[in-house]
C-alpha atoms as a PDB file:
ATOM      1  CA  UNK A   1      39.738 -78.518  12.126  1.00  0.00           C
ATOM      2  CA  UNK A   2      41.517 -79.323  15.445  1.00  0.00           C
ATOM      3  CA  UNK A   3      41.895 -83.186  16.009  1.00  0.00           C
ATOM      4  CA  UNK A   4      40.267 -84.738  19.111  1.00  0.00           C
ATOM      5  CA  UNK A   5      43.366 -86.468  20.342  1.00  0.00           C
ATOM      6  CA  UNK A   6      44.574 -86.464  23.999  1.00  0.00           C
ATOM      7  CA  UNK A   7      48.136 -85.298  24.870  1.00  0.00           C
ATOM      8  CA  UNK A   8      50.937 -87.814  24.300  1.00  0.00           C
ATOM      9  CA  UNK A   9      52.086 -87.397  27.804  1.00  0.00           C
ATOM     10  CA  UNK A  10      48.629 -88.521  28.983  1.00  0.00           C
ATOM     11  CA  UNK A  11      48.517 -91.439  26.718  1.00  0.00           C
ATOM     12  CA  UNK A  12      52.167 -92.527  27.773  1.00  0.00           C
ATOM     13  CA  UNK A  13      51.137 -92.203  31.517  1.00  0.00           C
ATOM     14  CA  UNK A  14      47.873 -94.313  30.931  1.00  0.00           C
ATOM     15  CA  UNK A  15      49.713 -96.980  28.796  1.00  0.00           C
ATOM     16  CA  UNK A  16      52.340 -97.509  31.447  1.00  0.00           C
ATOM     17  CA  UNK A  17      49.872 -97.438  34.364  1.00  0.00           C
ATOM     18  CA  UNK A  18      47.608 -99.904  32.598  1.00  0.00           C
ATOM     19  CA  UNK A  19      50.560-102.247  31.723  1.00  0.00           C
ATOM     20  CA  UNK A  20      51.782-102.214  35.222  1.00  0.00           C
ATOM     21  CA  UNK A  21      48.287-101.950  37.005  1.00  0.00           C
ATOM     22  CA  UNK A  22      50.100 -99.492  39.294  1.00  0.00           C
ATOM     23  CA  UNK A  23      50.566 -95.737  39.175  1.00  0.00           C
ATOM     24  CA  UNK A  24      53.593 -96.030  41.346  1.00  0.00           C
ATOM     25  CA  UNK A  25      55.468 -98.327  38.847  1.00  0.00           C
ATOM     26  CA  UNK A  26      54.337 -96.113  35.965  1.00  0.00           C
ATOM     27  CA  UNK A  27      55.792 -93.147  37.854  1.00  0.00           C
ATOM     28  CA  UNK A  28      59.129 -95.070  38.236  1.00  0.00           C
ATOM     29  CA  UNK A  29      59.243 -96.009  34.599  1.00  0.00           C
ATOM     30  CA  UNK A  30      58.511 -92.527  33.244  1.00  0.00           C
ATOM     31  CA  UNK A  31      60.641 -90.705  35.936  1.00  0.00           C
ATOM     32  CA  UNK A  32      57.643 -88.776  37.202  1.00  0.00           C
ATOM     33  CA  UNK A  33      55.986 -88.542  40.582  1.00  0.00           C
ATOM     34  CA  UNK A  34      52.923 -90.596  41.267  1.00  0.00           C
ATOM     35  CA  UNK A  35      50.871 -87.514  41.630  1.00  0.00           C
ATOM     36  CA  UNK A  36      51.953 -86.493  38.199  1.00  0.00           C
ATOM     37  CA  UNK A  37      50.728 -89.785  36.853  1.00  0.00           C
ATOM     38  CA  UNK A  38      47.454 -89.426  38.682  1.00  0.00           C
ATOM     39  CA  UNK A  39      46.803 -85.892  37.278  1.00  0.00           C
ATOM     40  CA  UNK A  40      47.681 -87.043  33.675  1.00  0.00           C
ATOM     41  CA  UNK A  41      45.244 -89.933  33.842  1.00  0.00           C
ATOM     42  CA  UNK A  42      42.612 -87.711  35.584  1.00  0.00           C
ATOM     43  CA  UNK A  43      43.067 -85.209  32.646  1.00  0.00           C
ATOM     44  CA  UNK A  44      42.713 -87.976  30.130  1.00  0.00           C
ATOM     45  CA  UNK A  45      39.458 -89.477  32.029  1.00  0.00           C
ATOM     46  CA  UNK A  46      38.087 -85.826  31.921  1.00  0.00           C
ATOM     47  CA  UNK A  47      38.731 -85.492  28.269  1.00  0.00           C
ATOM     48  CA  UNK A  48      37.268 -88.808  27.406  1.00  0.00           C
ATOM     49  CA  UNK A  49      34.445 -88.715  29.752  1.00  0.00           C
ATOM     50  CA  UNK A  50      35.090 -92.200  30.820  1.00  0.00           C
ATOM     51  CA  UNK A  51      36.496 -93.860  33.941  1.00  0.00           C
ATOM     52  CA  UNK A  52      39.608 -95.921  33.042  1.00  0.00           C
ATOM     53  CA  UNK A  53      40.578 -97.018  36.491  1.00  0.00           C
ATOM     54  CA  UNK A  54      38.864 -98.047  39.719  1.00  0.00           C
ATOM     55  CA  UNK A  55      40.213 -98.216  43.144  1.00  0.00           C
ATOM     56  CA  UNK A  56      40.551-101.531  44.721  1.00  0.00           C
ATOM     57  CA  UNK A  57      42.132-102.717  48.089  1.00  0.00           C
ATOM     58  CA  UNK A  58      45.339-103.768  46.173  1.00  0.00           C
ATOM     59  CA  UNK A  59      45.392-100.501  44.277  1.00  0.00           C
ATOM     60  CA  UNK A  60      44.021 -99.597  40.891  1.00  0.00           C
ATOM     61  CA  UNK A  61      42.352-101.867  38.402  1.00  0.00           C
ATOM     62  CA  UNK A  62      41.338-101.031  34.792  1.00  0.00           C
ATOM     63  CA  UNK A  63      37.637-100.773  34.118  1.00  0.00           C
ATOM     64  CA  UNK A  64      36.229-102.611  31.107  1.00  0.00           C
ATOM     65  CA  UNK A  65      36.399 -99.558  28.916  1.00  0.00           C
ATOM     66  CA  UNK A  66      39.909 -98.921  30.273  1.00  0.00           C
ATOM     67  CA  UNK A  67      41.058-102.294  29.462  1.00  0.00           C
ATOM     68  CA  UNK A  68      39.818-102.024  25.836  1.00  0.00           C
ATOM     69  CA  UNK A  69      41.283 -98.528  25.498  1.00  0.00           C
ATOM     70  CA  UNK A  70      44.574 -99.749  26.708  1.00  0.00           C
ATOM     71  CA  UNK A  71      44.887-102.390  24.124  1.00  0.00           C
ATOM     72  CA  UNK A  72      44.224 -99.960  21.437  1.00  0.00           C
ATOM     73  CA  UNK A  73      46.534 -97.249  22.751  1.00  0.00           C
ATOM     74  CA  UNK A  74      49.326 -99.631  23.179  1.00  0.00           C
ATOM     75  CA  UNK A  75      49.071-100.722  19.600  1.00  0.00           C
ATOM     76  CA  UNK A  76      49.063 -97.075  18.323  1.00  0.00           C
ATOM     77  CA  UNK A  77      51.962 -96.106  20.527  1.00  0.00           C
ATOM     78  CA  UNK A  78      53.963 -99.153  19.308  1.00  0.00           C
ATOM     79  CA  UNK A  79      53.456 -98.015  15.680  1.00  0.00           C
ATOM     80  CA  UNK A  80      54.580 -94.483  16.674  1.00  0.00           C
ATOM     81  CA  UNK A  81      57.687 -95.797  18.205  1.00  0.00           C
ATOM     82  CA  UNK A  82      58.396 -98.035  15.378  1.00  0.00           C
ATOM     83  CA  UNK A  83      58.057 -95.106  12.754  1.00  0.00           C
ATOM     84  CA  UNK A  84      60.275 -93.058  15.003  1.00  0.00           C
ATOM     85  CA  UNK A  85      62.939 -95.679  15.260  1.00  0.00           C
ATOM     86  CA  UNK A  86      62.836 -96.229  11.391  1.00  0.00           C
ATOM     87  CA  UNK A  87      63.178 -92.395  10.846  1.00  0.00           C
ATOM     88  CA  UNK A  88      66.140 -92.283  13.296  1.00  0.00           C
ATOM     89  CA  UNK A  89      67.892 -95.124  11.819  1.00  0.00           C
ATOM     90  CA  UNK A  90      67.350 -94.104   8.105  1.00  0.00           C
ATOM     91  CA  UNK A  91      68.040 -90.386   8.717  1.00  0.00           C
ATOM     92  CA  UNK A  92      64.940 -89.611   6.656  1.00  0.00           C
ATOM     93  CA  UNK A  93      66.071 -91.512   3.481  1.00  0.00           C
ATOM     94  CA  UNK A  94      64.744 -94.663   2.157  1.00  0.00           C
ATOM     95  CA  UNK A  95      61.793 -96.443   3.517  1.00  0.00           C
ATOM     96  CA  UNK A  96      60.186 -99.576   5.275  1.00  0.00           C
ATOM     97  CA  UNK A  97      57.752-102.080   3.942  1.00  0.00           C
ATOM     98  CA  UNK A  98      55.634-104.140   6.473  1.00  0.00           C
ATOM     99  CA  UNK A  99      55.192-107.496   4.773  1.00  0.00           C
ATOM    100  CA  UNK A 100      52.797-110.245   6.156  1.00  0.00           C
ATOM    101  CA  UNK A 101      54.006-113.656   5.091  1.00  0.00           C
ATOM    102  CA  UNK A 102      52.979-117.310   5.263  1.00  0.00           C
ATOM    103  CA  UNK A 103      55.970-118.609   7.571  1.00  0.00           C
ATOM    104  CA  UNK A 104      57.403-121.516   5.711  1.00  0.00           C
ATOM    105  CA  UNK A 105      57.384-119.797   2.392  1.00  0.00           C
ATOM    106  CA  UNK A 106      59.205-116.781   4.113  1.00  0.00           C
ATOM    107  CA  UNK A 107      61.795-119.168   5.917  1.00  0.00           C
ATOM    108  CA  UNK A 108      62.619-121.376   2.958  1.00  0.00           C
ATOM    109  CA  UNK A 109      62.050-119.411  -0.260  1.00  0.00           C
ATOM    110  CA  UNK A 110      61.902-115.640   0.567  1.00  0.00           C
ATOM    111  CA  UNK A 111      64.633-115.116   3.271  1.00  0.00           C
ATOM    112  CA  UNK A 112      67.456-116.939   1.347  1.00  0.00           C
ATOM    113  CA  UNK A 113      66.737-114.284  -1.375  1.00  0.00           C
ATOM    114  CA  UNK A 114      66.358-111.223   0.637  1.00  0.00           C
ATOM    115  CA  UNK A 115      70.112-110.370   0.961  1.00  0.00           C
ATOM    116  CA  UNK A 116      70.103-109.776  -2.818  1.00  0.00           C
ATOM    117  CA  UNK A 117      67.188-107.356  -2.383  1.00  0.00           C
ATOM    118  CA  UNK A 118      69.045-105.663   0.400  1.00  0.00           C
ATOM    119  CA  UNK A 119      72.207-105.177  -1.736  1.00  0.00           C
ATOM    120  CA  UNK A 120      70.209-103.822  -4.515  1.00  0.00           C
ATOM    121  CA  UNK A 121      68.090-101.445  -2.345  1.00  0.00           C
ATOM    122  CA  UNK A 122      69.995-100.617   0.640  1.00  0.00           C
ATOM    123  CA  UNK A 123      67.557 -97.905   1.656  1.00  0.00           C
ATOM    124  CA  UNK A 124      64.642-100.080   2.096  1.00  0.00           C
ATOM    125  CA  UNK A 125      63.964-102.251   5.133  1.00  0.00           C
ATOM    126  CA  UNK A 126      61.637-105.212   4.876  1.00  0.00           C
ATOM    127  CA  UNK A 127      59.959-106.195   8.044  1.00  0.00           C
ATOM    128  CA  UNK A 128      58.289-109.612   8.239  1.00  0.00           C
ATOM    129  CA  UNK A 129      55.143-110.659  10.110  1.00  0.00           C
ATOM    130  CA  UNK A 130      53.564-114.092  10.155  1.00  0.00           C
ATOM    131  CA  UNK A 131      50.120-114.587   8.910  1.00  0.00           C
ATOM    132  CA  UNK A 132      48.547-117.983   8.530  1.00  0.00           C
ATOM    133  CA  UNK A 133      44.931-116.952   8.616  1.00  0.00           C
ATOM    134  CA  UNK A 134      42.821-114.529   6.310  1.00  0.00           C
ATOM    135  CA  UNK A 135      42.778-110.893   7.610  1.00  0.00           C
ATOM    136  CA  UNK A 136      41.847-107.377   6.678  1.00  0.00           C
ATOM    137  CA  UNK A 137      44.596-104.858   5.646  1.00  0.00           C
ATOM    138  CA  UNK A 138      42.644-102.130   7.435  1.00  0.00           C
ATOM    139  CA  UNK A 139      43.037-103.900  10.687  1.00  0.00           C
ATOM    140  CA  UNK A 140      46.866-104.389  10.359  1.00  0.00           C
ATOM    141  CA  UNK A 141      49.869-102.103   9.903  1.00  0.00           C
ATOM    142  CA  UNK A 142      50.772-104.198   6.861  1.00  0.00           C
ATOM    143  CA  UNK A 143      51.589-102.531   3.424  1.00  0.00           C
ATOM    144  CA  UNK A 144      51.416-105.890   1.595  1.00  0.00           C
ATOM    145  CA  UNK A 145      51.144-109.743   2.077  1.00  0.00           C
ATOM    146  CA  UNK A 146      52.433-113.035   0.492  1.00  0.00           C
ATOM    147  CA  UNK A 147      49.695-115.646   0.663  1.00  0.00           C
ATOM    148  CA  UNK A 148      48.632-118.902  -0.703  1.00  0.00           C
ATOM    149  CA  UNK A 149      44.969-118.825  -2.217  1.00  0.00           C
ATOM    150  CA  UNK A 150      42.835-119.317  -5.272  1.00  0.00           C
ATOM    151  CA  UNK A 151      42.572-115.648  -6.414  1.00  0.00           C
ATOM    152  CA  UNK A 152      43.379-112.093  -5.256  1.00  0.00           C
ATOM    153  CA  UNK A 153      41.524-110.438  -2.491  1.00  0.00           C
ATOM    154  CA  UNK A 154      38.700-107.908  -3.046  1.00  0.00           C
ATOM    155  CA  UNK A 155      40.050-104.191  -2.767  1.00  0.00           C
ATOM    156  CA  UNK A 156      43.503-105.280  -3.580  1.00  0.00           C
ATOM    157  CA  UNK A 157      46.013-105.619  -6.439  1.00  0.00           C
ATOM    158  CA  UNK A 158      47.881-108.771  -6.910  1.00  0.00           C
ATOM    159  CA  UNK A 159      51.098-110.163  -8.449  1.00  0.00           C
ATOM    160  CA  UNK A 160      51.206-113.953  -9.219  1.00  0.00           C
ATOM    161  CA  UNK A 161      54.321-115.712  -7.981  1.00  0.00           C
ATOM    162  CA  UNK A 162      53.822-119.321  -8.573  1.00  0.00           C
ATOM    163  CA  UNK A 163      51.481-122.251  -8.519  1.00  0.00           C
ATOM    164  CA  UNK A 164      51.648-124.750  -5.767  1.00  0.00           C
ATOM    165  CA  UNK A 165      53.234-128.078  -6.888  1.00  0.00           C
ATOM    166  CA  UNK A 166      52.551-130.767  -4.215  1.00  0.00           C
ATOM    167  CA  UNK A 167      54.716-133.771  -3.853  1.00  0.00           C
ATOM    168  CA  UNK A 168      54.568-136.655  -1.188  1.00  0.00           C
ATOM    169  CA  UNK A 169      57.796-136.938   0.733  1.00  0.00           C
ATOM    170  CA  UNK A 170      59.292-139.023   3.640  1.00  0.00           C
ATOM    171  CA  UNK A 171      62.391-139.815   5.490  1.00  0.00           C
ATOM    172  CA  UNK A 172      64.912-142.108   3.497  1.00  0.00           C
ATOM    173  CA  UNK A 173      64.733-144.471   6.689  1.00  0.00           C
ATOM    174  CA  UNK A 174      60.810-145.063   5.966  1.00  0.00           C
ATOM    175  CA  UNK A 175      61.655-147.431   2.945  1.00  0.00           C
ATOM    176  CA  UNK A 176      59.028-148.104   0.283  1.00  0.00           C
ATOM    177  CA  UNK A 177      55.769-146.282   0.996  1.00  0.00           C
ATOM    178  CA  UNK A 178      52.698-148.252   1.759  1.00  0.00           C
ATOM    179  CA  UNK A 179      49.744-145.732   1.790  1.00  0.00           C
ATOM    180  CA  UNK A 180      47.505-148.020   3.742  1.00  0.00           C
ATOM    181  CA  UNK A 181      50.168-148.783   6.339  1.00  0.00           C
ATOM    182  CA  UNK A 182      52.277-145.647   6.759  1.00  0.00           C
ATOM    183  CA  UNK A 183      51.021-142.657   8.571  1.00  0.00           C
ATOM    184  CA  UNK A 184      49.802-139.754   6.570  1.00  0.00           C
ATOM    185  CA  UNK A 185      50.990-136.491   8.057  1.00  0.00           C
ATOM    186  CA  UNK A 186      48.140-133.936   7.809  1.00  0.00           C
ATOM    187  CA  UNK A 187      47.767-130.192   7.250  1.00  0.00           C
ATOM    188  CA  UNK A 188      45.417-128.791   9.799  1.00  0.00           C
ATOM    189  CA  UNK A 189      44.389-126.046   7.341  1.00  0.00           C
ATOM    190  CA  UNK A 190      43.859-128.397   4.355  1.00  0.00           C
ATOM    191  CA  UNK A 191      41.848-131.522   5.619  1.00  0.00           C
ATOM    192  CA  UNK A 192      41.160-132.808   2.254  1.00  0.00           C
ATOM    193  CA  UNK A 193      44.443-132.477   0.583  1.00  0.00           C
ATOM    194  CA  UNK A 194      45.497-136.016   0.767  1.00  0.00           C
ATOM    195  CA  UNK A 195      42.123-137.045  -0.749  1.00  0.00           C
ATOM    196  CA  UNK A 196      42.613-134.659  -3.599  1.00  0.00           C
ATOM    197  CA  UNK A 197      46.113-135.973  -4.169  1.00  0.00           C
ATOM    198  CA  UNK A 198      44.926-139.654  -4.231  1.00  0.00           C
ATOM    199  CA  UNK A 199      41.957-138.633  -6.557  1.00  0.00           C
ATOM    200  CA  UNK A 200      44.399-137.357  -9.131  1.00  0.00           C
ATOM    201  CA  UNK A 201      46.087-140.745  -9.069  1.00  0.00           C
ATOM    202  CA  UNK A 202      42.676-142.568  -9.434  1.00  0.00           C
ATOM    203  CA  UNK A 203      43.035-143.943  -5.965  1.00  0.00           C
ATOM    204  CA  UNK A 204      40.822-144.273  -2.758  1.00  0.00           C
ATOM    205  CA  UNK A 205      42.674-144.818   0.424  1.00  0.00           C
ATOM    206  CA  UNK A 206      40.881-145.535   3.506  1.00  0.00           C
ATOM    207  CA  UNK A 207      41.920-143.320   6.494  1.00  0.00           C
ATOM    208  CA  UNK A 208      43.237-140.446   4.091  1.00  0.00           C
ATOM    209  CA  UNK A 209      42.261-137.828   6.645  1.00  0.00           C
ATOM    210  CA  UNK A 210      43.667-139.683   9.526  1.00  0.00           C
ATOM    211  CA  UNK A 211      47.069-138.882  11.122  1.00  0.00           C
ATOM    212  CA  UNK A 212      48.841-136.129  13.217  1.00  0.00           C
ATOM    213  CA  UNK A 213      47.978-132.560  12.187  1.00  0.00           C
ATOM    214  CA  UNK A 214      50.190-129.715  11.883  1.00  0.00           C
ATOM    215  CA  UNK A 215      49.628-126.011  11.068  1.00  0.00           C
ATOM    216  CA  UNK A 216      52.760-125.141   9.200  1.00  0.00           C
ATOM    217  CA  UNK A 217      54.478-126.742   6.288  1.00  0.00           C
ATOM    218  CA  UNK A 218      57.729-126.328   8.119  1.00  0.00           C
ATOM    219  CA  UNK A 219      56.423-128.549  11.028  1.00  0.00           C
ATOM    220  CA  UNK A 220      55.226-131.176   8.435  1.00  0.00           C
ATOM    221  CA  UNK A 221      58.571-131.199   6.725  1.00  0.00           C
ATOM    222  CA  UNK A 222      60.389-131.762  10.108  1.00  0.00           C
ATOM    223  CA  UNK A 223      57.919-134.574  11.273  1.00  0.00           C
ATOM    224  CA  UNK A 224      58.618-136.266   7.822  1.00  0.00           C
ATOM    225  CA  UNK A 225      62.327-135.830   8.115  1.00  0.00           C
ATOM    226  CA  UNK A 226      62.127-137.561  11.382  1.00  0.00           C
ATOM    227  CA  UNK A 227      60.258-140.608  10.183  1.00  0.00           C
ATOM    228  CA  UNK A 228      56.872-139.681  11.548  1.00  0.00           C
ATOM    229  CA  UNK A 229      55.226-140.475   8.255  1.00  0.00           C
ATOM    230  CA  UNK A 230      54.677-139.197   4.670  1.00  0.00           C
ATOM    231  CA  UNK A 231      53.977-135.492   4.265  1.00  0.00           C
ATOM    232  CA  UNK A 232      52.338-133.656   1.294  1.00  0.00           C
ATOM    233  CA  UNK A 233      54.404-130.562   0.684  1.00  0.00           C
ATOM    234  CA  UNK A 234      54.953-127.673  -1.983  1.00  0.00           C
ATOM    235  CA  UNK A 235      57.961-128.622  -3.766  1.00  0.00           C
ATOM    236  CA  UNK A 236      59.668-125.197  -3.832  1.00  0.00           C
ATOM    237  CA  UNK A 237      59.699-125.205  -0.068  1.00  0.00           C
ATOM    238  CA  UNK A 238      61.617-128.419   0.364  1.00  0.00           C
ATOM    239  CA  UNK A 239      64.120-128.155  -2.570  1.00  0.00           C
ATOM    240  CA  UNK A 240      66.996-128.017  -0.015  1.00  0.00           C
ATOM    241  CA  UNK A 241      65.925-131.085   1.884  1.00  0.00           C
ATOM    242  CA  UNK A 242      65.404-133.083  -1.299  1.00  0.00           C
ATOM    243  CA  UNK A 243      68.942-132.106  -2.586  1.00  0.00           C
ATOM    244  CA  UNK A 244      70.581-132.933   0.767  1.00  0.00           C
ATOM    245  CA  UNK A 245      68.692-136.257   0.956  1.00  0.00           C
ATOM    246  CA  UNK A 246      66.911-135.388   4.242  1.00  0.00           C
ATOM    247  CA  UNK A 247      63.686-135.894   2.403  1.00  0.00           C
ATOM    248  CA  UNK A 248      63.015-138.212  -0.543  1.00  0.00           C
ATOM    249  CA  UNK A 249      60.042-138.495  -2.967  1.00  0.00           C
ATOM    250  CA  UNK A 250      57.632-141.120  -1.777  1.00  0.00           C
ATOM    251  CA  UNK A 251      56.150-140.851  -5.123  1.00  0.00           C
ATOM    252  CA  UNK A 252      56.926-139.339  -8.524  1.00  0.00           C
ATOM    253  CA  UNK A 253      53.413-137.990  -8.832  1.00  0.00           C
ATOM    254  CA  UNK A 254      53.175-134.320  -8.605  1.00  0.00           C
ATOM    255  CA  UNK A 255      49.878-132.536  -7.970  1.00  0.00           C
ATOM    256  CA  UNK A 256      49.149-129.093  -8.916  1.00  0.00           C
ATOM    257  CA  UNK A 257      46.760-127.800  -6.324  1.00  0.00           C
ATOM    258  CA  UNK A 258      44.159-125.099  -7.028  1.00  0.00           C
ATOM    259  CA  UNK A 259      46.245-122.557  -4.880  1.00  0.00           C
ATOM    260  CA  UNK A 260      48.966-120.186  -6.087  1.00  0.00           C
ATOM    261  CA  UNK A 261      51.141-117.802  -4.362  1.00  0.00           C
ATOM    262  CA  UNK A 262      50.491-114.145  -4.624  1.00  0.00           C
ATOM    263  CA  UNK A 263      51.890-110.769  -3.374  1.00  0.00           C
ATOM    264  CA  UNK A 264      48.961-108.682  -2.602  1.00  0.00           C
ATOM    265  CA  UNK A 265      48.464-105.207  -1.325  1.00  0.00           C
ATOM    266  CA  UNK A 266      45.755-102.418  -0.960  1.00  0.00           C
ATOM    267  CA  UNK A 267      45.020-100.437  -4.115  1.00  0.00           C
ATOM    268  CA  UNK A 268      45.881 -97.382  -2.358  1.00  0.00           C
ATOM    269  CA  UNK A 269      49.383 -98.695  -1.749  1.00  0.00           C
ATOM    270  CA  UNK A 270      50.103 -99.073  -5.323  1.00  0.00           C
ATOM    271  CA  UNK A 271      52.116 -96.054  -5.741  1.00  0.00           C
ATOM    272  CA  UNK A 272      54.293 -96.767  -2.496  1.00  0.00           C
ATOM    273  CA  UNK A 273      57.863 -96.615  -3.616  1.00  0.00           C
ATOM    274  CA  UNK A 274      59.275 -99.144  -1.302  1.00  0.00           C
ATOM    275  CA  UNK A 275      56.381-101.495  -2.391  1.00  0.00           C
ATOM    276  CA  UNK A 276      56.919-100.765  -6.134  1.00  0.00           C
ATOM    277  CA  UNK A 277      60.682-101.742  -5.830  1.00  0.00           C
ATOM    278  CA  UNK A 278      59.932-104.880  -3.852  1.00  0.00           C
ATOM    279  CA  UNK A 279      57.058-105.931  -6.166  1.00  0.00           C
ATOM    280  CA  UNK A 280      59.399-105.647  -9.238  1.00  0.00           C
ATOM    281  CA  UNK A 281      62.226-107.498  -7.586  1.00  0.00           C
ATOM    282  CA  UNK A 282      59.943-110.283  -6.197  1.00  0.00           C
ATOM    283  CA  UNK A 283      58.188-110.777  -9.454  1.00  0.00           C
ATOM    284  CA  UNK A 284      61.567-111.255 -11.237  1.00  0.00           C
ATOM    285  CA  UNK A 285      62.715-113.728  -8.608  1.00  0.00           C
ATOM    286  CA  UNK A 286      59.571-115.787  -8.912  1.00  0.00           C
ATOM    287  CA  UNK A 287      59.690-115.722 -12.771  1.00  0.00           C
ATOM    288  CA  UNK A 288      63.452-116.788 -12.717  1.00  0.00           C
ATOM    289  CA  UNK A 289      62.515-119.630 -10.152  1.00  0.00           C
ATOM    290  CA  UNK A 290      59.729-120.900 -12.377  1.00  0.00           C
ATOM    291  CA  UNK A 291      61.805-120.921 -15.557  1.00  0.00           C
ATOM    292  CA  UNK A 292      64.524-122.894 -13.679  1.00  0.00           C
ATOM    293  CA  UNK A 293      62.044-125.427 -12.459  1.00  0.00           C
ATOM    294  CA  UNK A 294      60.229-125.548 -15.946  1.00  0.00           C
ATOM    295  CA  UNK A 295      56.873-124.286 -14.278  1.00  0.00           C
ATOM    296  CA  UNK A 296      56.092-121.622 -16.805  1.00  0.00           C
END
């Protein structure tokens, strides 16, 4: 059955015109005449049965339907372009893996290890995209994701990497911690984490949810290193700072939160060769780290 898809020439003309809000600028970009752009968009509107632009005194303006369609078309054309560039770069060999990651885990733990993967699998490219909130794979181009949670997601397969071991850290200049006097740096995505940490020590501290809030662990680590207060962070994300003395333990107490780090991917992606290679490598790296730190 023939697909009901407009021509790529019409979609390219529409995307350029929508982005510039101008048929003239779209024509200049695509090395076409303005009349050719008008014809392509007219053909597209006839195909869709929907007006995508309306005339104004300043030129052309997207209709509501045109604006919504523009966002979708731009996303699809970006994906096609990425696929083309990947194929050109690889000459048809190897593959690419689109990986969603929690930012600090990627920066502090994964990226320092990725050169080893690249040496072992030179034909596979790993593309990283930041993801800090829950999402659906069907709504993204991602093949897999590394996230912190309490279980794997419905409709996916998962590989356990490590549990989250939280420690309280601060700048060496802060001196002996006073939990009631010093600022407690807060994670904006985990408002009760300090209360939970104190509870495992049998303590109640007034104002345990007060203090400046930061979305990323990397922000919390930097704030603590600059003497802004005490932060509660996963140990494996600040190994380097602790070894260099940029951060010090404010307490010897370690708290295993209810969260663990997983590699997860849709069930239908389980046979993807690039993903299979990365999954095996990542699982081995995580196992080695756990054994080194006595976490198994």
